[in-house]
Every structure is written in structure tokens, then in C-alpha cells.
Amino acid sequence: MALRDRITLGVALHYTQFQIPRERRVRRFLEGVELIKALWTEPKVSYRGSIFQLEGGTMAPKPVQKPHPPIWLGGGHPDALRRAAAIADGWMGSGGSSAADFSRCVPAMRENLERARRDTATFPISKRVFLSVHERPEVARSEVHRWFTTVYHNPAETDASGVHGTSEQVREQLEELVRMGANHLLLNPVCRHAEQLEALAAIVGRN
């Protein structure tokens, strides 16, 4: 399949640093998703929401994926899980959320999918993973620790949500996420990217 056929859009509520008003932010978000889908699938769009209005809007070219590229949501709040089950094509636990949080969210996500009459067997349930593989586990941990300290400003997540260690240790940690309910993993090496990709290819190739 060509690369252009494999695009997924991840969306979330707007953050305050983008100077988006917090008032009615959920309504703004829901209307935004509706408008995106309409512009992707309809030749001409007239939309009259309480936040957004559009008269005879068009967008070209249309996406190659039909009916449109998958839209994935994240977030572990009960409301976020309900929204994902209702309107999303997939759900992802964030890289800053702990494995324990992910484990708690998965059953709730599946319950919401069942209530929404969605197929729990095919709905993508994913986890973003920041990781490092090294033959010396302490080196791998220090690399992940540095990532969470400098990027997320939350070094406590090094062990709570990060994945690190030897190839065998990383494989075991990834398999544990699968046992928790993940049917998709977004793997993000935090350093030595070419080397990490080779290590991950070997890990995946053994499964």
C-alpha cells in the first residue's frame, strides 16, 4: 500500500497555550471534527454549528482513503473515552500516561465501544511508547529519563510510562502492553534513532 494511503489524523482538545478560549471547548472540538469529516467527504459543505458556520465550502483534492483518513482520539478522562467510542476511528493512550493508567482505561474504553455498538475486536486501541534499547539497561534508562526530564518535565514517568532496557526486557514490556489490551503500539525511540530502529526490527521479528 502506498504511503499516501496510510495517513491517520490524531486530534485532541485545544490547549490553552494556543490561546483558544476554554469556554465551550468540547463543543468547539466536536464541531471541528464534524466539519473536517464533511469537507473530506462532501463536494460542497454548508455547516451551521453553534461555533463554526460555513456556506458552500469546498476542499480539494479529497483524501485518497475512503470514506476518509482515520481520526484517532486520546485522553484518559471518562468523557474523553466516551467521545472516542462515539466519534473516533481509534484511541491512543498518550506517551506521558503510565502503563497503569493505560491498563485502567482499556476496559472502560471497551465498555464505551460496546454501548456505542462499535466492534471492539477491530477498533484500534493504541499506546504511544517512548523507549530506549541498549545492552546496558542503566544506559537505556538514563536516556529515557533524560527525555522525560527535558521534554515532558516529568522525570517520574521514566519508569511509570517509559520502556527501556535490553532487547529482551523491552520485548517483555511491550508484550505486557499488548496483554493489557493494546492492539497497536506507536514506538518512539528517544535517541540513537537508526540504531534503535534496527533493535526494534529484531524485537518485532522475533514475535
C-alpha atoms as a PDB file:
ATOM      1  CA  MET A   1       0.000   0.000   0.000  1.00  0.00           C
ATOM      2  CA  ALA A   2       1.342   3.433  -0.900  1.00  0.00           C
ATOM      3  CA  LEU A   3       2.363   5.830   1.866  1.00  0.00           C
ATOM      4  CA  ARG A   4      -0.410   8.237   0.887  1.00  0.00           C
ATOM      5  CA  ASP A   5      -2.946   5.523   1.756  1.00  0.00           C
ATOM      6  CA  ARG A   6      -1.700   5.204   5.326  1.00  0.00           C
ATOM      7  CA  ILE A   7      -2.412   8.564   6.960  1.00  0.00           C
ATOM      8  CA  THR A   8      -4.075   8.776  10.380  1.00  0.00           C
ATOM      9  CA  LEU A   9      -5.184  12.065  11.929  1.00  0.00           C
ATOM     10  CA  GLY A  10      -4.841  12.424  15.694  1.00  0.00           C
ATOM     11  CA  VAL A  11      -6.934  15.179  17.271  1.00  0.00           C
ATOM     12  CA  ALA A  12      -7.386  16.495  20.799  1.00  0.00           C
ATOM     13  CA  LEU A  13      -8.968  19.335  22.719  1.00  0.00           C
ATOM     14  CA  HIS A  14      -7.128  22.638  22.212  1.00  0.00           C
ATOM     15  CA  TYR A  15      -4.518  23.573  24.790  1.00  0.00           C
ATOM     16  CA  THR A  16      -4.518  26.964  26.484  1.00  0.00           C
ATOM     17  CA  GLN A  17      -1.076  27.871  25.098  1.00  0.00           C
ATOM     18  CA  PHE A  18      -2.674  28.193  21.656  1.00  0.00           C
ATOM     19  CA  GLN A  19      -4.890  30.975  23.058  1.00  0.00           C
ATOM     20  CA  ILE A  20      -8.078  29.084  22.245  1.00  0.00           C
ATOM     21  CA  PRO A  21     -10.892  30.012  24.660  1.00  0.00           C
ATOM     22  CA  ARG A  22     -11.652  27.288  27.204  1.00  0.00           C
ATOM     23  CA  GLU A  23     -15.341  28.158  27.136  1.00  0.00           C
ATOM     24  CA  ARG A  24     -17.327  25.572  25.180  1.00  0.00           C
ATOM     25  CA  ARG A  25     -14.110  23.836  24.182  1.00  0.00           C
ATOM     26  CA  VAL A  26     -15.811  20.438  23.914  1.00  0.00           C
ATOM     27  CA  ARG A  27     -18.482  21.831  21.607  1.00  0.00           C
ATOM     28  CA  ARG A  28     -15.754  23.561  19.545  1.00  0.00           C
ATOM     29  CA  PHE A  29     -13.866  20.284  19.302  1.00  0.00           C
ATOM     30  CA  LEU A  30     -16.881  18.185  18.297  1.00  0.00           C
ATOM     31  CA  GLU A  31     -17.961  20.658  15.639  1.00  0.00           C
ATOM     32  CA  GLY A  32     -14.406  20.790  14.318  1.00  0.00           C
ATOM     33  CA  VAL A  33     -14.340  17.030  13.844  1.00  0.00           C
ATOM     34  CA  GLU A  34     -17.757  17.093  12.146  1.00  0.00           C
ATOM     35  CA  LEU A  35     -16.589  19.839   9.808  1.00  0.00           C
ATOM     36  CA  ILE A  36     -13.373  18.016   8.918  1.00  0.00           C
ATOM     37  CA  LYS A  37     -15.299  14.869   8.016  1.00  0.00           C
ATOM     38  CA  ALA A  38     -17.807  16.832   5.949  1.00  0.00           C
ATOM     39  CA  LEU A  39     -15.111  18.663   3.969  1.00  0.00           C
ATOM     40  CA  TRP A  40     -13.312  15.390   3.344  1.00  0.00           C
ATOM     41  CA  THR A  41     -16.365  13.526   2.058  1.00  0.00           C
ATOM     42  CA  GLU A  42     -18.839  16.012   0.559  1.00  0.00           C
ATOM     43  CA  PRO A  43     -18.437  18.049  -2.667  1.00  0.00           C
ATOM     44  CA  LYS A  44     -19.882  21.182  -1.050  1.00  0.00           C
ATOM     45  CA  VAL A  45     -20.489  21.825   2.640  1.00  0.00           C
ATOM     46  CA  SER A  46     -22.964  24.103   4.367  1.00  0.00           C
ATOM     47  CA  TYR A  47     -22.427  23.833   8.092  1.00  0.00           C
ATOM     48  CA  ARG A  48     -24.307  25.714  10.792  1.00  0.00           C
ATOM     49  CA  GLY A  49     -22.925  24.901  14.211  1.00  0.00           C
ATOM     50  CA  SER A  50     -23.003  26.982  17.343  1.00  0.00           C
ATOM     51  CA  ILE A  51     -19.251  27.676  16.964  1.00  0.00           C
ATOM     52  CA  PHE A  52     -18.494  27.230  13.258  1.00  0.00           C
ATOM     53  CA  GLN A  53     -20.549  28.285  10.248  1.00  0.00           C
ATOM     54  CA  LEU A  54     -19.727  27.574   6.627  1.00  0.00           C
ATOM     55  CA  GLU A  55     -21.746  28.169   3.487  1.00  0.00           C
ATOM     56  CA  GLY A  56     -20.899  26.249   0.323  1.00  0.00           C
ATOM     57  CA  GLY A  57     -17.416  25.346   1.490  1.00  0.00           C
ATOM     58  CA  THR A  58     -15.238  23.039  -0.604  1.00  0.00           C
ATOM     59  CA  MET A  59     -11.924  21.270  -0.192  1.00  0.00           C
ATOM     60  CA  ALA A  60      -9.856  19.708  -2.934  1.00  0.00           C
ATOM     61  CA  PRO A  61      -8.293  17.348  -3.571  1.00  0.00           C
ATOM     62  CA  LYS A  62     -10.182  14.883  -1.438  1.00  0.00           C
ATOM     63  CA  PRO A  63      -8.272  12.294   0.625  1.00  0.00           C
ATOM     64  CA  VAL A  64      -7.398   9.046  -1.130  1.00  0.00           C
ATOM     65  CA  GLN A  65      -8.589   6.986   1.846  1.00  0.00           C
ATOM     66  CA  LYS A  66     -12.305   6.282   1.823  1.00  0.00           C
ATOM     67  CA  PRO A  67     -14.546   7.375   3.295  1.00  0.00           C
ATOM     68  CA  HIS A  68     -11.782   9.481   4.885  1.00  0.00           C
ATOM     69  CA  PRO A  69      -8.479   9.040   6.769  1.00  0.00           C
ATOM     70  CA  PRO A  70      -8.972   7.523  10.218  1.00  0.00           C
ATOM     71  CA  ILE A  71      -9.416  10.031  13.035  1.00  0.00           C
ATOM     72  CA  TRP A  72      -7.996   8.926  16.372  1.00  0.00           C
ATOM     73  CA  LEU A  73      -8.610  10.484  19.769  1.00  0.00           C
ATOM     74  CA  GLY A  74      -6.713  10.184  23.034  1.00  0.00           C
ATOM     75  CA  GLY A  75      -7.145  11.094  26.675  1.00  0.00           C
ATOM     76  CA  GLY A  76      -7.922   9.042  29.733  1.00  0.00           C
ATOM     77  CA  HIS A  77     -10.759  11.082  31.259  1.00  0.00           C
ATOM     78  CA  PRO A  78     -14.092   9.197  31.247  1.00  0.00           C
ATOM     79  CA  ASP A  79     -15.584  11.873  28.980  1.00  0.00           C
ATOM     80  CA  ALA A  80     -12.657  11.519  26.562  1.00  0.00           C
ATOM     81  CA  LEU A  81     -13.154   7.762  26.412  1.00  0.00           C
ATOM     82  CA  ARG A  82     -16.859   8.208  25.671  1.00  0.00           C
ATOM     83  CA  ARG A  83     -16.081  10.713  22.909  1.00  0.00           C
ATOM     84  CA  ALA A  84     -13.564   8.361  21.341  1.00  0.00           C
ATOM     85  CA  ALA A  85     -16.053   5.499  21.323  1.00  0.00           C
ATOM     86  CA  ALA A  86     -18.729   7.721  19.796  1.00  0.00           C
ATOM     87  CA  ILE A  87     -16.878   9.574  17.022  1.00  0.00           C
ATOM     88  CA  ALA A  88     -13.315   8.252  16.598  1.00  0.00           C
ATOM     89  CA  ASP A  89     -11.818   5.547  14.425  1.00  0.00           C
ATOM     90  CA  GLY A  90      -9.222   4.660  17.081  1.00  0.00           C
ATOM     91  CA  TRP A  91      -7.989   5.581  20.563  1.00  0.00           C
ATOM     92  CA  MET A  92      -4.444   6.087  21.827  1.00  0.00           C
ATOM     93  CA  GLY A  93      -3.081   6.344  25.349  1.00  0.00           C
ATOM     94  CA  SER A  94      -0.538   9.157  25.427  1.00  0.00           C
ATOM     95  CA  GLY A  95       3.178   8.670  25.871  1.00  0.00           C
ATOM     96  CA  GLY A  96       3.000  10.658  29.088  1.00  0.00           C
ATOM     97  CA  SER A  97       0.397   8.387  30.655  1.00  0.00           C
ATOM     98  CA  SER A  98       1.536   5.476  32.774  1.00  0.00           C
ATOM     99  CA  ALA A  99       1.124   1.834  31.917  1.00  0.00           C
ATOM    100  CA  ALA A 100      -1.133   1.567  34.970  1.00  0.00           C
ATOM    101  CA  ASP A 101      -3.375   4.334  33.610  1.00  0.00           C
ATOM    102  CA  PHE A 102      -3.498   2.596  30.248  1.00  0.00           C
ATOM    103  CA  SER A 103      -4.467  -0.675  31.917  1.00  0.00           C
ATOM    104  CA  ARG A 104      -7.347   1.079  33.703  1.00  0.00           C
ATOM    105  CA  CYS A 105      -8.529   2.879  30.566  1.00  0.00           C
ATOM    106  CA  VAL A 106      -8.726  -0.133  28.250  1.00  0.00           C
ATOM    107  CA  PRO A 107     -11.684  -1.883  29.956  1.00  0.00           C
ATOM    108  CA  ALA A 108     -13.566   1.425  30.168  1.00  0.00           C
ATOM    109  CA  MET A 109     -12.832   2.074  26.507  1.00  0.00           C
ATOM    110  CA  ARG A 110     -14.199  -1.331  25.552  1.00  0.00           C
ATOM    111  CA  GLU A 111     -17.340  -0.768  27.636  1.00  0.00           C
ATOM    112  CA  ASN A 112     -17.939   2.535  25.856  1.00  0.00           C
ATOM    113  CA  LEU A 113     -17.419   0.879  22.478  1.00  0.00           C
ATOM    114  CA  GLU A 114     -19.995  -1.763  23.329  1.00  0.00           C
ATOM    115  CA  ARG A 115     -22.504   0.891  24.396  1.00  0.00           C
ATOM    116  CA  ALA A 116     -21.882   2.729  21.117  1.00  0.00           C
ATOM    117  CA  ARG A 117     -22.330  -0.571  19.217  1.00  0.00           C
ATOM    118  CA  ARG A 118     -18.803  -0.433  17.851  1.00  0.00           C
ATOM    119  CA  ASP A 119     -16.744  -3.518  17.029  1.00  0.00           C
ATOM    120  CA  THR A 120     -14.351  -3.953  19.955  1.00  0.00           C
ATOM    121  CA  ALA A 121     -12.376  -6.594  18.046  1.00  0.00           C
ATOM    122  CA  THR A 122     -11.327  -4.262  15.216  1.00  0.00           C
ATOM    123  CA  PHE A 123     -11.312  -0.831  16.900  1.00  0.00           C
ATOM    124  CA  PRO A 124      -7.662   0.288  17.292  1.00  0.00           C
ATOM    125  CA  ILE A 125      -6.567   0.624  20.927  1.00  0.00           C
ATOM    126  CA  SER A 126      -3.060   2.016  20.952  1.00  0.00           C
ATOM    127  CA  LYS A 127      -0.346   3.250  23.300  1.00  0.00           C
ATOM    128  CA  ARG A 128       2.379   5.730  22.467  1.00  0.00           C
ATOM    129  CA  VAL A 129       5.668   4.464  23.867  1.00  0.00           C
ATOM    130  CA  PHE A 130       8.863   6.451  24.447  1.00  0.00           C
ATOM    131  CA  LEU A 131      11.687   3.945  24.648  1.00  0.00           C
ATOM    132  CA  SER A 132      15.357   3.116  24.513  1.00  0.00           C
ATOM    133  CA  VAL A 133      17.033  -0.231  23.834  1.00  0.00           C
ATOM    134  CA  HIS A 134      20.620  -0.799  24.985  1.00  0.00           C
ATOM    135  CA  GLU A 135      22.671  -3.821  26.014  1.00  0.00           C
ATOM    136  CA  ARG A 136      23.306  -1.992  29.296  1.00  0.00           C
ATOM    137  CA  PRO A 137      19.917  -1.408  30.974  1.00  0.00           C
ATOM    138  CA  GLU A 138      21.196   1.537  33.011  1.00  0.00           C
ATOM    139  CA  VAL A 139      22.154   3.374  29.814  1.00  0.00           C
ATOM    140  CA  ALA A 140      18.713   2.792  28.294  1.00  0.00           C
ATOM    141  CA  ARG A 141      17.016   4.038  31.467  1.00  0.00           C
ATOM    142  CA  SER A 142      19.176   7.165  31.633  1.00  0.00           C
ATOM    143  CA  GLU A 143      18.262   8.014  28.025  1.00  0.00           C
ATOM    144  CA  VAL A 144      14.530   7.683  28.719  1.00  0.00           C
ATOM    145  CA  HIS A 145      14.950   9.593  31.990  1.00  0.00           C
ATOM    146  CA  ARG A 146      16.648  12.441  30.156  1.00  0.00           C
ATOM    147  CA  TRP A 147      13.766  12.509  27.632  1.00  0.00           C
ATOM    148  CA  PHE A 148      11.020  12.739  30.232  1.00  0.00           C
ATOM    149  CA  THR A 149      13.017  15.313  32.216  1.00  0.00           C
ATOM    150  CA  THR A 150      13.769  17.678  29.333  1.00  0.00           C
ATOM    151  CA  VAL A 151      10.719  17.203  27.098  1.00  0.00           C
ATOM    152  CA  TYR A 152       7.843  16.264  29.420  1.00  0.00           C
ATOM    153  CA  HIS A 153       9.368  17.892  32.524  1.00  0.00           C
ATOM    154  CA  ASN A 154       8.173  14.840  34.435  1.00  0.00           C
ATOM    155  CA  PRO A 155      11.074  12.501  35.281  1.00  0.00           C
ATOM    156  CA  ALA A 156       8.770  10.300  37.382  1.00  0.00           C
ATOM    157  CA  GLU A 157       7.319   8.932  34.138  1.00  0.00           C
ATOM    158  CA  THR A 158      10.659   7.278  33.290  1.00  0.00           C
ATOM    159  CA  ASP A 159       9.571   4.043  34.923  1.00  0.00           C
ATOM    160  CA  ALA A 160       5.811   4.628  35.049  1.00  0.00           C
ATOM    161  CA  SER A 161       5.323   5.028  31.293  1.00  0.00           C
ATOM    162  CA  GLY A 162       8.727   4.740  29.617  1.00  0.00           C
ATOM    163  CA  VAL A 163      10.065   1.488  28.158  1.00  0.00           C
ATOM    164  CA  HIS A 164      13.786   0.788  28.480  1.00  0.00           C
ATOM    165  CA  GLY A 165      16.320  -1.974  28.879  1.00  0.00           C
ATOM    166  CA  THR A 166      17.922  -4.736  26.838  1.00  0.00           C
ATOM    167  CA  SER A 167      16.187  -6.095  23.760  1.00  0.00           C
ATOM    168  CA  GLU A 168      14.659  -8.893  25.816  1.00  0.00           C
ATOM    169  CA  GLN A 169      13.483  -6.523  28.557  1.00  0.00           C
ATOM    170  CA  VAL A 170      11.919  -4.131  26.038  1.00  0.00           C
ATOM    171  CA  ARG A 171      10.194  -7.012  24.290  1.00  0.00           C
ATOM    172  CA  GLU A 172       8.698  -8.141  27.598  1.00  0.00           C
ATOM    173  CA  GLN A 173       7.481  -4.622  28.406  1.00  0.00           C
ATOM    174  CA  LEU A 174       5.855  -4.244  25.001  1.00  0.00           C
ATOM    175  CA  GLU A 175       4.218  -7.640  25.310  1.00  0.00           C
ATOM    176  CA  GLU A 176       2.798  -6.554  28.669  1.00  0.00           C
ATOM    177  CA  LEU A 177       1.106  -3.572  26.992  1.00  0.00           C
ATOM    178  CA  VAL A 178      -0.406  -5.983  24.475  1.00  0.00           C
ATOM    179  CA  ARG A 179      -1.668  -8.145  27.324  1.00  0.00           C
ATOM    180  CA  MET A 180      -3.262  -5.027  28.810  1.00  0.00           C
ATOM    181  CA  GLY A 181      -5.276  -4.669  25.615  1.00  0.00           C
ATOM    182  CA  ALA A 182      -3.188  -2.749  23.077  1.00  0.00           C
ATOM    183  CA  ASN A 183      -3.636  -3.956  19.506  1.00  0.00           C
ATOM    184  CA  HIS A 184      -1.410  -1.170  18.158  1.00  0.00           C
ATOM    185  CA  LEU A 185       1.748   0.465  19.535  1.00  0.00           C
ATOM    186  CA  LEU A 186       3.357   3.727  18.394  1.00  0.00           C
ATOM    187  CA  LEU A 187       7.041   3.259  19.186  1.00  0.00           C
ATOM    188  CA  ASN A 188       9.104   6.430  19.638  1.00  0.00           C
ATOM    189  CA  PRO A 189      12.836   5.922  20.281  1.00  0.00           C
ATOM    190  CA  VAL A 190      14.176   8.871  22.268  1.00  0.00           C
ATOM    191  CA  CYS A 191      17.737   8.806  20.846  1.00  0.00           C
ATOM    192  CA  ARG A 192      20.182   6.893  18.585  1.00  0.00           C
ATOM    193  CA  HIS A 193      17.308   6.509  16.154  1.00  0.00           C
ATOM    194  CA  ALA A 194      18.933   4.432  13.401  1.00  0.00           C
ATOM    195  CA  GLU A 195      20.360   2.009  15.964  1.00  0.00           C
ATOM    196  CA  GLN A 196      17.047   1.866  17.800  1.00  0.00           C
ATOM    197  CA  LEU A 197      15.122   1.070  14.627  1.00  0.00           C
ATOM    198  CA  GLU A 198      17.410  -1.886  13.949  1.00  0.00           C
ATOM    199  CA  ALA A 199      16.959  -3.128  17.517  1.00  0.00           C
ATOM    200  CA  LEU A 200      13.170  -2.789  17.306  1.00  0.00           C
ATOM    201  CA  ALA A 201      13.077  -4.578  13.958  1.00  0.00           C
ATOM    202  CA  ALA A 202      14.894  -7.507  15.575  1.00  0.00           C
ATOM    203  CA  ILE A 203      12.500  -7.467  18.543  1.00  0.00           C
ATOM    204  CA  VAL A 204       9.402  -7.419  16.340  1.00  0.00           C
ATOM    205  CA  GLY A 205      10.875 -10.030  14.030  1.00  0.00           C
ATOM    206  CA  ARG A 206      11.079 -12.490  16.913  1.00  0.00           C
ATOM    207  CA  ASN A 207       7.346 -12.196  17.680  1.00  0.00           C
END
